[in-house]
C-alpha atoms as a PDB file:
ATOM      1  CA  MET A   1      95.855  60.954-222.437  1.00  0.00           C
ATOM      2  CA  ASP A   2      95.854  57.893-224.258  1.00  0.00           C
ATOM      3  CA  SER A   3      93.361  55.337-225.338  1.00  0.00           C
ATOM      4  CA  THR A   4      93.205  52.979-222.259  1.00  0.00           C
ATOM      5  CA  GLU A   5      92.787  56.093-220.064  1.00  0.00           C
ATOM      6  CA  LYS A   6      90.109  57.511-221.978  1.00  0.00           C
ATOM      7  CA  LEU A   7      87.914  54.199-221.869  1.00  0.00           C
ATOM      8  CA  LEU A   8      88.749  53.844-218.262  1.00  0.00           C
ATOM      9  CA  LYS A   9      87.287  57.785-217.602  1.00  0.00           C
ATOM     10  CA  GLU A  10      84.465  57.552-219.780  1.00  0.00           C
ATOM     11  CA  LEU A  11      82.870  54.563-217.644  1.00  0.00           C
ATOM     12  CA  THR A  12      83.724  55.633-214.342  1.00  0.00           C
ATOM     13  CA  GLU A  13      82.453  59.045-215.248  1.00  0.00           C
ATOM     14  CA  ALA A  14      79.647  58.010-216.614  1.00  0.00           C
ATOM     15  CA  HIS A  15      76.479  57.673-213.871  1.00  0.00           C
ATOM     16  CA  GLY A  16      74.525  54.252-213.452  1.00  0.00           C
ATOM     17  CA  VAL A  17      73.647  53.024-210.137  1.00  0.00           C
ATOM     18  CA  PRO A  18      71.576  49.723-209.810  1.00  0.00           C
ATOM     19  CA  GLY A  19      68.484  49.856-211.468  1.00  0.00           C
ATOM     20  CA  TYR A  20      69.292  52.900-213.452  1.00  0.00           C
ATOM     21  CA  GLU A  21      72.032  51.717-215.206  1.00  0.00           C
ATOM     22  CA  THR A  22      70.759  53.697-218.340  1.00  0.00           C
ATOM     23  CA  PRO A  23      73.555  55.975-219.203  1.00  0.00           C
ATOM     24  CA  VAL A  24      76.748  53.797-218.547  1.00  0.00           C
ATOM     25  CA  ARG A  25      74.949  51.648-220.786  1.00  0.00           C
ATOM     26  CA  ALA A  26      74.978  53.788-224.163  1.00  0.00           C
ATOM     27  CA  VAL A  27      78.851  54.349-223.273  1.00  0.00           C
ATOM     28  CA  VAL A  28      79.252  50.371-222.619  1.00  0.00           C
ATOM     29  CA  ARG A  29      77.525  49.869-226.250  1.00  0.00           C
ATOM     30  CA  LYS A  30      79.264  52.379-227.811  1.00  0.00           C
ATOM     31  CA  TYR A  31      82.770  50.391-227.208  1.00  0.00           C
ATOM     32  CA  LEU A  32      81.805  47.303-227.356  1.00  0.00           C
ATOM     33  CA  GLU A  33      79.331  47.847-231.172  1.00  0.00           C
ATOM     34  CA  PRO A  34      82.626  47.494-233.128  1.00  0.00           C
ATOM     35  CA  LEU A  35      83.761  44.393-231.325  1.00  0.00           C
ATOM     36  CA  GLY A  36      81.295  42.254-231.852  1.00  0.00           C
ATOM     37  CA  GLU A  37      77.550  41.201-232.171  1.00  0.00           C
ATOM     38  CA  LEU A  38      75.470  42.690-229.058  1.00  0.00           C
ATOM     39  CA  THR A  39      72.460  41.874-227.892  1.00  0.00           C
ATOM     40  CA  GLN A  40      70.238  42.908-224.550  1.00  0.00           C
ATOM     41  CA  ASP A  41      68.780  40.573-221.942  1.00  0.00           C
ATOM     42  CA  LYS A  42      65.561  42.143-220.657  1.00  0.00           C
ATOM     43  CA  LEU A  43      67.281  42.998-217.364  1.00  0.00           C
ATOM     44  CA  GLY A  44      69.271  45.712-219.751  1.00  0.00           C
ATOM     45  CA  SER A  45      72.305  43.374-219.408  1.00  0.00           C
ATOM     46  CA  VAL A  46      74.580  43.954-222.617  1.00  0.00           C
ATOM     47  CA  ILE A  47      75.979  40.771-224.704  1.00  0.00           C
ATOM     48  CA  CYS A  48      78.865  41.210-227.256  1.00  0.00           C
ATOM     49  CA  LYS A  49      79.127  38.297-228.909  1.00  0.00           C
ATOM     50  CA  GLN A  50      82.900  37.572-230.625  1.00  0.00           C
ATOM     51  CA  ALA A  51      82.848  34.802-232.958  1.00  0.00           C
ATOM     52  CA  GLY A  52      85.483  31.920-232.894  1.00  0.00           C
ATOM     53  CA  ALA A  53      84.957  28.485-233.083  1.00  0.00           C
ATOM     54  CA  GLU A  54      81.709  27.289-232.091  1.00  0.00           C
ATOM     55  CA  ARG A  55      82.601  25.678-228.669  1.00  0.00           C
ATOM     56  CA  PRO A  56      83.738  26.319-225.855  1.00  0.00           C
ATOM     57  CA  ARG A  57      81.529  29.496-225.418  1.00  0.00           C
ATOM     58  CA  VAL A  58      83.593  31.613-222.968  1.00  0.00           C
ATOM     59  CA  MET A  59      81.367  33.897-221.122  1.00  0.00           C
ATOM     60  CA  LEU A  60      83.337  37.247-219.864  1.00  0.00           C
ATOM     61  CA  ALA A  61      81.502  39.091-217.050  1.00  0.00           C
ATOM     62  CA  GLY A  62      81.722  42.379-215.865  1.00  0.00           C
ATOM     63  CA  HIS A  63      78.970  44.432-213.845  1.00  0.00           C
ATOM     64  CA  MET A  64      78.241  48.158-215.372  1.00  0.00           C
ATOM     65  CA  ASP A  65      76.290  49.264-212.240  1.00  0.00           C
ATOM     66  CA  GLU A  66      77.757  51.209-209.794  1.00  0.00           C
ATOM     67  CA  ILE A  67      77.185  51.222-205.643  1.00  0.00           C
ATOM     68  CA  GLY A  68      74.888  54.510-204.992  1.00  0.00           C
ATOM     69  CA  PHE A  69      71.045  55.855-203.647  1.00  0.00           C
ATOM     70  CA  MET A  70      67.525  56.626-204.675  1.00  0.00           C
ATOM     71  CA  VAL A  71      65.213  59.219-202.772  1.00  0.00           C
ATOM     72  CA  LYS A  72      63.535  57.841-200.720  1.00  0.00           C
ATOM     73  CA  ARG A  73      61.321  60.906-198.987  1.00  0.00           C
ATOM     74  CA  VAL A  74      62.033  64.690-198.896  1.00  0.00           C
ATOM     75  CA  THR A  75      61.298  66.389-196.013  1.00  0.00           C
ATOM     76  CA  LYS A  76      58.742  69.456-195.032  1.00  0.00           C
ATOM     77  CA  GLU A  77      61.863  71.699-194.752  1.00  0.00           C
ATOM     78  CA  GLY A  78      63.616  69.935-197.531  1.00  0.00           C
ATOM     79  CA  PHE A  79      65.965  67.715-196.548  1.00  0.00           C
ATOM     80  CA  VAL A  80      66.162  64.736-198.538  1.00  0.00           C
ATOM     81  CA  LYS A  81      66.469  61.373-196.996  1.00  0.00           C
ATOM     82  CA  PHE A  82      68.334  58.415-198.994  1.00  0.00           C
ATOM     83  CA  LEU A  83      68.146  54.588-199.356  1.00  0.00           C
ATOM     84  CA  PRO A  84      71.832  53.024-200.224  1.00  0.00           C
ATOM     85  CA  LEU A  85      71.935  50.927-203.277  1.00  0.00           C
ATOM     86  CA  GLY A  86      75.146  49.158-202.696  1.00  0.00           C
ATOM     87  CA  GLY A  87      76.990  48.608-199.636  1.00  0.00           C
ATOM     88  CA  TRP A  88      77.886  51.849-198.492  1.00  0.00           C
ATOM     89  CA  PHE A  89      80.488  52.576-195.098  1.00  0.00           C
ATOM     90  CA  ASP A  90      78.962  54.984-193.022  1.00  0.00           C
ATOM     91  CA  GLN A  91      82.021  56.452-192.343  1.00  0.00           C
ATOM     92  CA  VAL A  92      82.461  57.108-196.019  1.00  0.00           C
ATOM     93  CA  LEU A  93      79.298  59.306-196.325  1.00  0.00           C
ATOM     94  CA  LEU A  94      79.836  62.709-194.788  1.00  0.00           C
ATOM     95  CA  GLY A  95      80.716  65.788-196.463  1.00  0.00           C
ATOM     96  CA  GLN A  96      80.466  64.124-199.912  1.00  0.00           C
ATOM     97  CA  ARG A  97      78.940  65.469-203.011  1.00  0.00           C
ATOM     98  CA  VAL A  98      76.810  63.773-204.403  1.00  0.00           C
ATOM     99  CA  LEU A  99      73.958  64.179-207.726  1.00  0.00           C
ATOM    100  CA  ILE A 100      70.283  63.637-208.123  1.00  0.00           C
ATOM    101  CA  LYS A 101      69.386  62.998-211.149  1.00  0.00           C
ATOM    102  CA  THR A 102      66.058  64.398-211.421  1.00  0.00           C
ATOM    103  CA  SER A 103      63.403  64.376-214.718  1.00  0.00           C
ATOM    104  CA  LYS A 104      65.188  67.725-215.052  1.00  0.00           C
ATOM    105  CA  GLY A 105      68.467  67.028-215.436  1.00  0.00           C
ATOM    106  CA  SER A 106      71.352  66.294-212.277  1.00  0.00           C
ATOM    107  CA  VAL A 107      71.072  68.571-209.053  1.00  0.00           C
ATOM    108  CA  THR A 108      74.713  69.086-206.479  1.00  0.00           C
ATOM    109  CA  GLY A 109      73.990  67.992-203.272  1.00  0.00           C
ATOM    110  CA  VAL A 110      75.594  66.907-199.904  1.00  0.00           C
ATOM    111  CA  ILE A 111      75.648  64.562-197.679  1.00  0.00           C
ATOM    112  CA  GLY A 112      75.291  65.892-194.316  1.00  0.00           C
ATOM    113  CA  ALA A 113      74.112  65.533-190.422  1.00  0.00           C
ATOM    114  CA  LYS A 114      73.967  66.997-187.392  1.00  0.00           C
ATOM    115  CA  PRO A 115      76.559  69.115-186.563  1.00  0.00           C
ATOM    116  CA  PRO A 116      79.462  67.897-184.374  1.00  0.00           C
ATOM    117  CA  HIS A 117      79.070  71.145-182.698  1.00  0.00           C
ATOM    118  CA  LEU A 118      75.442  69.969-180.956  1.00  0.00           C
ATOM    119  CA  LEU A 119      76.111  66.595-180.307  1.00  0.00           C
ATOM    120  CA  THR A 120      77.031  65.302-176.647  1.00  0.00           C
ATOM    121  CA  ALA A 121      80.976  64.520-175.902  1.00  0.00           C
ATOM    122  CA  ASP A 122      79.881  61.195-175.842  1.00  0.00           C
ATOM    123  CA  ALA A 123      77.553  61.148-179.275  1.00  0.00           C
ATOM    124  CA  ARG A 124      81.140  62.847-181.082  1.00  0.00           C
ATOM    125  CA  GLY A 125      82.791  59.653-180.365  1.00  0.00           C
ATOM    126  CA  LYS A 126      79.649  57.241-181.766  1.00  0.00           C
ATOM    127  CA  VAL A 127      79.512  56.452-186.168  1.00  0.00           C
ATOM    128  CA  VAL A 128      76.754  58.748-187.714  1.00  0.00           C
ATOM    129  CA  GLU A 129      74.659  55.956-189.111  1.00  0.00           C
ATOM    130  CA  LYS A 130      72.691  56.400-192.862  1.00  0.00           C
ATOM    131  CA  LYS A 131      69.597  56.857-191.253  1.00  0.00           C
ATOM    132  CA  ASP A 132      70.548  59.925-189.542  1.00  0.00           C
ATOM    133  CA  MET A 133      72.027  61.435-192.490  1.00  0.00           C
ATOM    134  CA  TYR A 134      70.470  63.447-195.566  1.00  0.00           C
ATOM    135  CA  ILE A 135      71.337  65.566-198.735  1.00  0.00           C
ATOM    136  CA  ASP A 136      70.826  69.054-198.731  1.00  0.00           C
ATOM    137  CA  ILE A 137      70.733  70.569-201.932  1.00  0.00           C
ATOM    138  CA  GLY A 138      70.297  73.791-200.698  1.00  0.00           C
ATOM    139  CA  ALA A 139      66.859  74.343-200.132  1.00  0.00           C
ATOM    140  CA  THR A 140      64.428  75.324-196.986  1.00  0.00           C
ATOM    141  CA  SER A 141      61.344  74.339-197.998  1.00  0.00           C
ATOM    142  CA  GLU A 142      59.432  70.660-199.751  1.00  0.00           C
ATOM    143  CA  ASP A 143      58.406  72.825-202.202  1.00  0.00           C
ATOM    144  CA  GLU A 144      61.914  74.193-203.209  1.00  0.00           C
ATOM    145  CA  VAL A 145      62.949  70.553-203.524  1.00  0.00           C
ATOM    146  CA  LYS A 146      60.231  69.406-205.689  1.00  0.00           C
ATOM    147  CA  GLU A 147      60.790  72.689-208.105  1.00  0.00           C
ATOM    148  CA  ALA A 148      64.149  71.512-208.607  1.00  0.00           C
ATOM    149  CA  GLY A 149      62.895  68.529-210.183  1.00  0.00           C
ATOM    150  CA  VAL A 150      63.958  66.014-207.054  1.00  0.00           C
ATOM    151  CA  GLN A 151      60.907  62.880-206.180  1.00  0.00           C
ATOM    152  CA  GLN A 152      60.797  59.755-204.490  1.00  0.00           C
ATOM    153  CA  GLY A 153      62.862  57.223-206.023  1.00  0.00           C
ATOM    154  CA  ASP A 154      65.186  59.426-208.263  1.00  0.00           C
ATOM    155  CA  PRO A 155      69.011  57.919-208.185  1.00  0.00           C
ATOM    156  CA  VAL A 156      71.741  59.442-206.827  1.00  0.00           C
ATOM    157  CA  VAL A 157      74.894  59.133-207.450  1.00  0.00           C
ATOM    158  CA  PRO A 158      78.320  60.200-205.920  1.00  0.00           C
ATOM    159  CA  ALA A 159      79.963  63.166-207.897  1.00  0.00           C
ATOM    160  CA  ALA A 160      83.496  62.453-208.551  1.00  0.00           C
ATOM    161  CA  GLY A 161      85.600  62.521-211.850  1.00  0.00           C
ATOM    162  CA  PHE A 162      88.770  60.157-212.853  1.00  0.00           C
ATOM    163  CA  GLU A 163      92.489  61.591-212.072  1.00  0.00           C
ATOM    164  CA  VAL A 164      95.615  60.525-212.933  1.00  0.00           C
ATOM    165  CA  LEU A 165      97.764  61.062-210.212  1.00  0.00           C
ATOM    166  CA  ALA A 166     100.934  62.422-210.195  1.00  0.00           C
ATOM    167  CA  ASN A 167     103.122  59.515-210.650  1.00  0.00           C
ATOM    168  CA  GLY A 168     101.786  59.175-213.967  1.00  0.00           C
ATOM    169  CA  LYS A 169     100.963  55.275-212.816  1.00  0.00           C
ATOM    170  CA  THR A 170      97.699  55.602-210.570  1.00  0.00           C
ATOM    171  CA  TYR A 171      94.417  56.310-211.738  1.00  0.00           C
ATOM    172  CA  LEU A 172      91.557  57.701-208.717  1.00  0.00           C
ATOM    173  CA  SER A 173      87.704  57.638-210.162  1.00  0.00           C
ATOM    174  CA  LYS A 174      84.559  56.763-208.500  1.00  0.00           C
ATOM    175  CA  ALA A 175      82.893  53.566-209.474  1.00  0.00           C
ATOM    176  CA  PHE A 176      86.081  50.898-210.770  1.00  0.00           C
ATOM    177  CA  ASP A 177      83.345  48.448-209.089  1.00  0.00           C
ATOM    178  CA  ASP A 178      83.513  47.911-211.649  1.00  0.00           C
ATOM    179  CA  ARG A 179      83.714  49.825-214.806  1.00  0.00           C
ATOM    180  CA  VAL A 180      87.760  48.045-214.246  1.00  0.00           C
ATOM    181  CA  GLY A 181      85.915  45.184-215.364  1.00  0.00           C
ATOM    182  CA  VAL A 182      83.935  46.780-217.471  1.00  0.00           C
ATOM    183  CA  ALA A 183      87.275  47.981-219.001  1.00  0.00           C
ATOM    184  CA  LEU A 184      88.764  44.846-219.260  1.00  0.00           C
ATOM    185  CA  MET A 185      86.351  43.216-221.720  1.00  0.00           C
ATOM    186  CA  VAL A 186      86.391  45.802-223.807  1.00  0.00           C
ATOM    187  CA  SER A 187      90.360  46.281-224.026  1.00  0.00           C
ATOM    188  CA  THR A 188      90.796  42.195-224.055  1.00  0.00           C
ATOM    189  CA  LEU A 189      88.201  41.576-227.198  1.00  0.00           C
ATOM    190  CA  GLU A 190      90.051  44.546-228.569  1.00  0.00           C
ATOM    191  CA  GLN A 191      93.114  42.366-229.076  1.00  0.00           C
ATOM    192  CA  LEU A 192      90.750  39.574-229.639  1.00  0.00           C
ATOM    193  CA  LYS A 193      89.355  40.868-233.082  1.00  0.00           C
ATOM    194  CA  GLY A 194      90.531  39.596-236.345  1.00  0.00           C
ATOM    195  CA  THR A 195      92.499  36.764-234.890  1.00  0.00           C
ATOM    196  CA  LYS A 196      90.884  33.056-234.898  1.00  0.00           C
ATOM    197  CA  HIS A 197      90.352  32.061-231.110  1.00  0.00           C
ATOM    198  CA  PRO A 198      89.539  28.532-230.564  1.00  0.00           C
ATOM    199  CA  ASN A 199      86.251  29.716-228.951  1.00  0.00           C
ATOM    200  CA  THR A 200      84.020  32.236-229.159  1.00  0.00           C
ATOM    201  CA  VAL A 201      83.538  34.856-226.873  1.00  0.00           C
ATOM    202  CA  PHE A 202      80.619  36.194-225.040  1.00  0.00           C
ATOM    203  CA  ALA A 203      81.464  39.490-222.939  1.00  0.00           C
ATOM    204  CA  ALA A 204      78.673  40.245-220.583  1.00  0.00           C
ATOM    205  CA  ALA A 205      78.423  43.909-219.292  1.00  0.00           C
ATOM    206  CA  THR A 206      76.077  43.356-216.001  1.00  0.00           C
ATOM    207  CA  VAL A 207      73.097  44.846-214.596  1.00  0.00           C
ATOM    208  CA  MET A 208      72.408  44.979-210.445  1.00  0.00           C
ATOM    209  CA  GLU A 209      75.357  43.201-209.147  1.00  0.00           C
ATOM    210  CA  GLU A 210      76.014  45.805-206.429  1.00  0.00           C
ATOM    211  CA  VAL A 211      72.065  44.642-204.890  1.00  0.00           C
ATOM    212  CA  GLY A 212      72.039  40.607-205.689  1.00  0.00           C
ATOM    213  CA  LEU A 213      73.566  39.675-208.804  1.00  0.00           C
ATOM    214  CA  ARG A 214      70.421  39.784-210.714  1.00  0.00           C
ATOM    215  CA  GLY A 215      72.588  40.752-214.270  1.00  0.00           C
ATOM    216  CA  ALA A 216      74.311  38.108-214.167  1.00  0.00           C
ATOM    217  CA  THR A 217      71.480  35.573-213.124  1.00  0.00           C
ATOM    218  CA  THR A 218      69.790  36.633-216.508  1.00  0.00           C
ATOM    219  CA  SER A 219      72.880  37.098-218.526  1.00  0.00           C
ATOM    220  CA  VAL A 220      74.292  33.655-218.192  1.00  0.00           C
ATOM    221  CA  GLU A 221      71.052  32.319-219.319  1.00  0.00           C
ATOM    222  CA  ALA A 222      71.143  34.253-222.386  1.00  0.00           C
ATOM    223  CA  VAL A 223      74.987  33.058-222.976  1.00  0.00           C
ATOM    224  CA  ASP A 224      74.739  29.436-221.814  1.00  0.00           C
ATOM    225  CA  PRO A 225      78.768  29.340-221.260  1.00  0.00           C
ATOM    226  CA  ASP A 226      81.081  26.329-220.890  1.00  0.00           C
ATOM    227  CA  VAL A 227      83.462  28.137-219.121  1.00  0.00           C
ATOM    228  CA  ALA A 228      83.233  31.677-217.683  1.00  0.00           C
ATOM    229  CA  ILE A 229      85.257  34.392-216.070  1.00  0.00           C
ATOM    230  CA  VAL A 230      84.443  36.939-214.132  1.00  0.00           C
ATOM    231  CA  LEU A 231      86.180  40.563-214.113  1.00  0.00           C
ATOM    232  CA  GLU A 232      86.183  42.616-211.114  1.00  0.00           C
ATOM    233  CA  SER A 233      87.876  45.188-208.756  1.00  0.00           C
ATOM    234  CA  ASP A 234      89.345  43.249-205.743  1.00  0.00           C
ATOM    235  CA  ILE A 235      90.563  44.962-202.394  1.00  0.00           C
ATOM    236  CA  ALA A 236      94.237  46.114-202.180  1.00  0.00           C
ATOM    237  CA  GLY A 237      95.873  45.501-198.562  1.00  0.00           C
ATOM    238  CA  ASP A 238      98.280  47.503-199.009  1.00  0.00           C
ATOM    239  CA  VAL A 239      96.844  50.499-196.728  1.00  0.00           C
ATOM    240  CA  PRO A 240      97.579  51.278-193.253  1.00  0.00           C
ATOM    241  CA  GLY A 241      96.096  49.191-190.238  1.00  0.00           C
ATOM    242  CA  ILE A 242      95.692  45.764-192.546  1.00  0.00           C
ATOM    243  CA  THR A 243      97.740  43.181-191.347  1.00  0.00           C
ATOM    244  CA  PRO A 244      99.190  40.415-194.156  1.00  0.00           C
ATOM    245  CA  GLU A 245      96.494  37.970-192.808  1.00  0.00           C
ATOM    246  CA  GLU A 246      93.116  40.206-193.926  1.00  0.00           C
ATOM    247  CA  SER A 247      94.852  40.435-197.406  1.00  0.00           C
ATOM    248  CA  SER A 248      98.187  40.978-199.262  1.00  0.00           C
ATOM    249  CA  ILE A 249      97.409  42.604-202.545  1.00  0.00           C
ATOM    250  CA  LYS A 250      98.854  45.397-203.312  1.00  0.00           C
ATOM    251  CA  LEU A 251      98.904  47.720-206.054  1.00  0.00           C
ATOM    252  CA  GLY A 252     101.326  47.462-209.122  1.00  0.00           C
ATOM    253  CA  GLN A 253     101.971  44.018-208.674  1.00  0.00           C
ATOM    254  CA  GLY A 254     100.041  42.171-210.516  1.00  0.00           C
ATOM    255  CA  PRO A 255      96.227  41.146-211.391  1.00  0.00           C
ATOM    256  CA  THR A 256      94.712  39.128-208.618  1.00  0.00           C
ATOM    257  CA  VAL A 257      93.203  35.112-209.055  1.00  0.00           C
ATOM    258  CA  VAL A 258      90.824  35.529-206.228  1.00  0.00           C
ATOM    259  CA  ILE A 259      90.784  31.611-204.688  1.00  0.00           C
ATOM    260  CA  TYR A 260      87.746  32.139-202.354  1.00  0.00           C
ATOM    261  CA  ASP A 261      84.844  34.580-201.644  1.00  0.00           C
ATOM    262  CA  ALA A 262      81.304  33.908-199.674  1.00  0.00           C
ATOM    263  CA  ARG A 263      79.934  32.627-202.588  1.00  0.00           C
ATOM    264  CA  MET A 264      82.227  30.629-204.908  1.00  0.00           C
ATOM    265  CA  ILE A 265      85.022  28.649-204.533  1.00  0.00           C
ATOM    266  CA  PRO A 266      86.794  28.389-208.534  1.00  0.00           C
ATOM    267  CA  ASN A 267      86.906  25.612-210.906  1.00  0.00           C
ATOM    268  CA  LEU A 268      90.278  24.335-209.029  1.00  0.00           C
ATOM    269  CA  LYS A 269      91.697  23.088-212.578  1.00  0.00           C
ATOM    270  CA  LEU A 270      91.263  26.817-213.915  1.00  0.00           C
ATOM    271  CA  ARG A 271      92.490  28.501-211.328  1.00  0.00           C
ATOM    272  CA  ASP A 272      95.442  26.620-211.932  1.00  0.00           C
ATOM    273  CA  LEU A 273      95.186  26.922-215.661  1.00  0.00           C
ATOM    274  CA  VAL A 274      95.567  31.011-214.810  1.00  0.00           C
ATOM    275  CA  VAL A 275      98.121  31.060-212.562  1.00  0.00           C
ATOM    276  CA  ALA A 276     100.247  28.457-215.781  1.00  0.00           C
ATOM    277  CA  VAL A 277      99.560  31.449-218.536  1.00  0.00           C
ATOM    278  CA  ALA A 278     100.164  33.600-216.744  1.00  0.00           C
ATOM    279  CA  LYS A 279     103.732  32.300-215.440  1.00  0.00           C
ATOM    280  CA  GLU A 280     104.925  31.555-218.890  1.00  0.00           C
ATOM    281  CA  ASN A 281     103.705  34.709-219.856  1.00  0.00           C
ATOM    282  CA  ASN A 282     106.084  36.769-217.151  1.00  0.00           C
ATOM    283  CA  ILE A 283     102.870  37.958-215.632  1.00  0.00           C
ATOM    284  CA  ASN A 284     102.896  38.345-212.054  1.00  0.00           C
ATOM    285  CA  VAL A 285      99.646  37.566-210.195  1.00  0.00           C
ATOM    286  CA  GLN A 286      98.324  37.719-206.725  1.00  0.00           C
ATOM    287  CA  LEU A 287      96.321  35.210-205.012  1.00  0.00           C
ATOM    288  CA  SER A 288      93.418  36.814-202.890  1.00  0.00           C
ATOM    289  CA  TYR A 289      90.191  35.965-200.809  1.00  0.00           C
ATOM    290  CA  ILE A 290      87.246  37.818-200.296  1.00  0.00           C
ATOM    291  CA  GLU A 291      85.651  36.822-196.949  1.00  0.00           C
ATOM    292  CA  GLY A 292      83.743  39.725-196.724  1.00  0.00           C
ATOM    293  CA  GLY A 293      81.709  40.034-200.178  1.00  0.00           C
ATOM    294  CA  ALA A 294      81.131  38.126-203.694  1.00  0.00           C
ATOM    295  CA  THR A 295      80.763  38.348-207.593  1.00  0.00           C
ATOM    296  CA  ASP A 296      78.819  37.907-210.510  1.00  0.00           C
ATOM    297  CA  GLY A 297      80.685  34.228-210.427  1.00  0.00           C
ATOM    298  CA  GLY A 298      77.768  33.220-207.253  1.00  0.00           C
ATOM    299  CA  VAL A 299      75.598  33.043-209.736  1.00  0.00           C
ATOM    300  CA  ILE A 300      77.292  31.827-212.669  1.00  0.00           C
ATOM    301  CA  HIS A 301      79.259  28.837-211.668  1.00  0.00           C
ATOM    302  CA  VAL A 302      75.848  27.167-210.431  1.00  0.00           C
ATOM    303  CA  TYR A 303      74.002  28.100-214.151  1.00  0.00           C
ATOM    304  CA  LYS A 304      72.453  24.527-214.827  1.00  0.00           C
ATOM    305  CA  THR A 305      74.661  21.568-213.930  1.00  0.00           C
ATOM    306  CA  GLY A 306      77.651  24.205-213.608  1.00  0.00           C
ATOM    307  CA  VAL A 307      79.973  26.229-215.094  1.00  0.00           C
ATOM    308  CA  PRO A 308      83.644  26.006-214.194  1.00  0.00           C
ATOM    309  CA  THR A 309      84.333  29.358-212.842  1.00  0.00           C
ATOM    310  CA  VAL A 310      87.395  31.821-211.929  1.00  0.00           C
ATOM    311  CA  VAL A 311      88.200  35.458-211.027  1.00  0.00           C
ATOM    312  CA  ILE A 312      90.578  38.268-212.158  1.00  0.00           C
ATOM    313  CA  ALA A 313      90.736  41.400-211.103  1.00  0.00           C
ATOM    314  CA  VAL A 314      92.352  44.873-210.627  1.00  0.00           C
ATOM    315  CA  ALA A 315      93.105  45.176-206.952  1.00  0.00           C
ATOM    316  CA  ALA A 316      91.838  49.086-205.703  1.00  0.00           C
ATOM    317  CA  ARG A 317      91.788  51.580-202.744  1.00  0.00           C
ATOM    318  CA  HIS A 318      89.351  52.823-201.059  1.00  0.00           C
ATOM    319  CA  ILE A 319      86.087  50.565-203.125  1.00  0.00           C
ATOM    320  CA  HIS A 320      82.400  51.054-201.748  1.00  0.00           C
ATOM    321  CA  SER A 321      83.560  55.017-201.675  1.00  0.00           C
ATOM    322  CA  HIS A 322      83.098  58.347-203.674  1.00  0.00           C
ATOM    323  CA  SER A 323      87.156  57.937-204.879  1.00  0.00           C
ATOM    324  CA  SER A 324      89.503  54.607-205.134  1.00  0.00           C
ATOM    325  CA  ILE A 325      92.363  54.106-206.677  1.00  0.00           C
ATOM    326  CA  ILE A 326      93.963  51.158-208.989  1.00  0.00           C
ATOM    327  CA  HIS A 327      97.532  50.717-210.926  1.00  0.00           C
ATOM    328  CA  ARG A 328      97.984  51.083-214.487  1.00  0.00           C
ATOM    329  CA  LYS A 329     100.265  48.254-214.744  1.00  0.00           C
ATOM    330  CA  ASP A 330      97.869  45.624-212.823  1.00  0.00           C
ATOM    331  CA  TYR A 331      95.243  46.679-215.285  1.00  0.00           C
ATOM    332  CA  ASP A 332      97.855  46.267-218.313  1.00  0.00           C
ATOM    333  CA  ASP A 333      98.824  43.178-217.370  1.00  0.00           C
ATOM    334  CA  ALA A 334      95.300  41.616-216.717  1.00  0.00           C
ATOM    335  CA  VAL A 335      94.627  42.793-220.694  1.00  0.00           C
ATOM    336  CA  LYS A 336      97.617  40.894-221.441  1.00  0.00           C
ATOM    337  CA  LEU A 337      96.849  37.549-219.094  1.00  0.00           C
ATOM    338  CA  LEU A 338      93.573  37.133-219.884  1.00  0.00           C
ATOM    339  CA  VAL A 339      94.178  37.828-224.191  1.00  0.00           C
ATOM    340  CA  SER A 340      96.587  34.541-223.706  1.00  0.00           C
ATOM    341  CA  LEU A 341      94.350  32.504-221.423  1.00  0.00           C
ATOM    342  CA  ILE A 342      91.621  33.016-224.335  1.00  0.00           C
ATOM    343  CA  ASN A 343      93.265  31.661-226.432  1.00  0.00           C
ATOM    344  CA  ARG A 344      94.102  28.817-224.579  1.00  0.00           C
ATOM    345  CA  LEU A 345      90.596  27.613-223.886  1.00  0.00           C
ATOM    346  CA  ASP A 346      89.904  25.255-227.295  1.00  0.00           C
ATOM    347  CA  ALA A 347      87.525  22.475-226.807  1.00  0.00           C
ATOM    348  CA  THR A 348      90.126  19.728-225.008  1.00  0.00           C
ATOM    349  CA  THR A 349      91.309  22.255-222.458  1.00  0.00           C
ATOM    350  CA  VAL A 350      87.636  23.182-221.501  1.00  0.00           C
ATOM    351  CA  ALA A 351      86.107  19.643-221.133  1.00  0.00           C
ATOM    352  CA  ASP A 352      89.322  18.848-219.343  1.00  0.00           C
ATOM    353  CA  LEU A 353      88.178  21.503-216.309  1.00  0.00           C
ATOM    354  CA  THR A 354      85.354  19.039-215.176  1.00  0.00           C
ATOM    355  CA  LYS A 355      87.137  15.705-215.634  1.00  0.00           C
END
């Protein structure tokens, strides 16, 4: 396992659902501390300043939170009802293991619902909704659940680890959305350290993106950027049932540049610069559109009088589930692209983005 795999493993296996990012934040701080000056805003986003020229100020943003749940209540029979933190597709939940993070430690459970054997034929053909699901920790009473340390408000995280898959080129894990973006920040700052880049880079590992871009809203205030690059996971379209009209994004075909999402159209000159820099460096990029989602760029690009912003991402299969898949080549090419792009963002180039 090389250094990149170790980085991705440690970041993705760390726990940190929205509002409960403390464990993953400790990992992020460990990796960023040698790379620049660390600060933290009052919501918990970590910002690493790597000084170069005083201006422009380049903001890299990737969110450290992952989708998960919160304990809503415990039934008298000993089952845990939960609230989603972030967007979950009902179909991916049943039978999945989770960890309830209590004051006494982690408690393992499984997401269940009424057994299909006890459903009518008509009901068996319908999707079970989250409101009808529960977490079963093997208890037989409410008292047993409380004795295990489970309380209302406890965070719940997917129980899933990082694995290198059979071909050695693809990785399987929870939380690539968006620990892959945080990892890209780390790898990029490592490459830039000790070089004379024509700007100062602020790498912001933001909190609570999955519940409304909250960390980006505060961290952009702290950074006051002249230009921003949001680092994300994108949606791979190379699985059965997806038409080219819906998505043509494929694993291993290069990082993506998002040309549209539900809350942001990128700065067009910056978008074109990314594509040009990629071409100059023989990096294939894929143009992506996300009609049903948004990124931290949604609030960053409207900060004050506006910030030229673009999203660069690594495609992932099966995001917003317990296990998603990325391709190493996409990651490595994204780092190469980011380093080259940041070295192009001098004062003249950034000023021209808004002319």
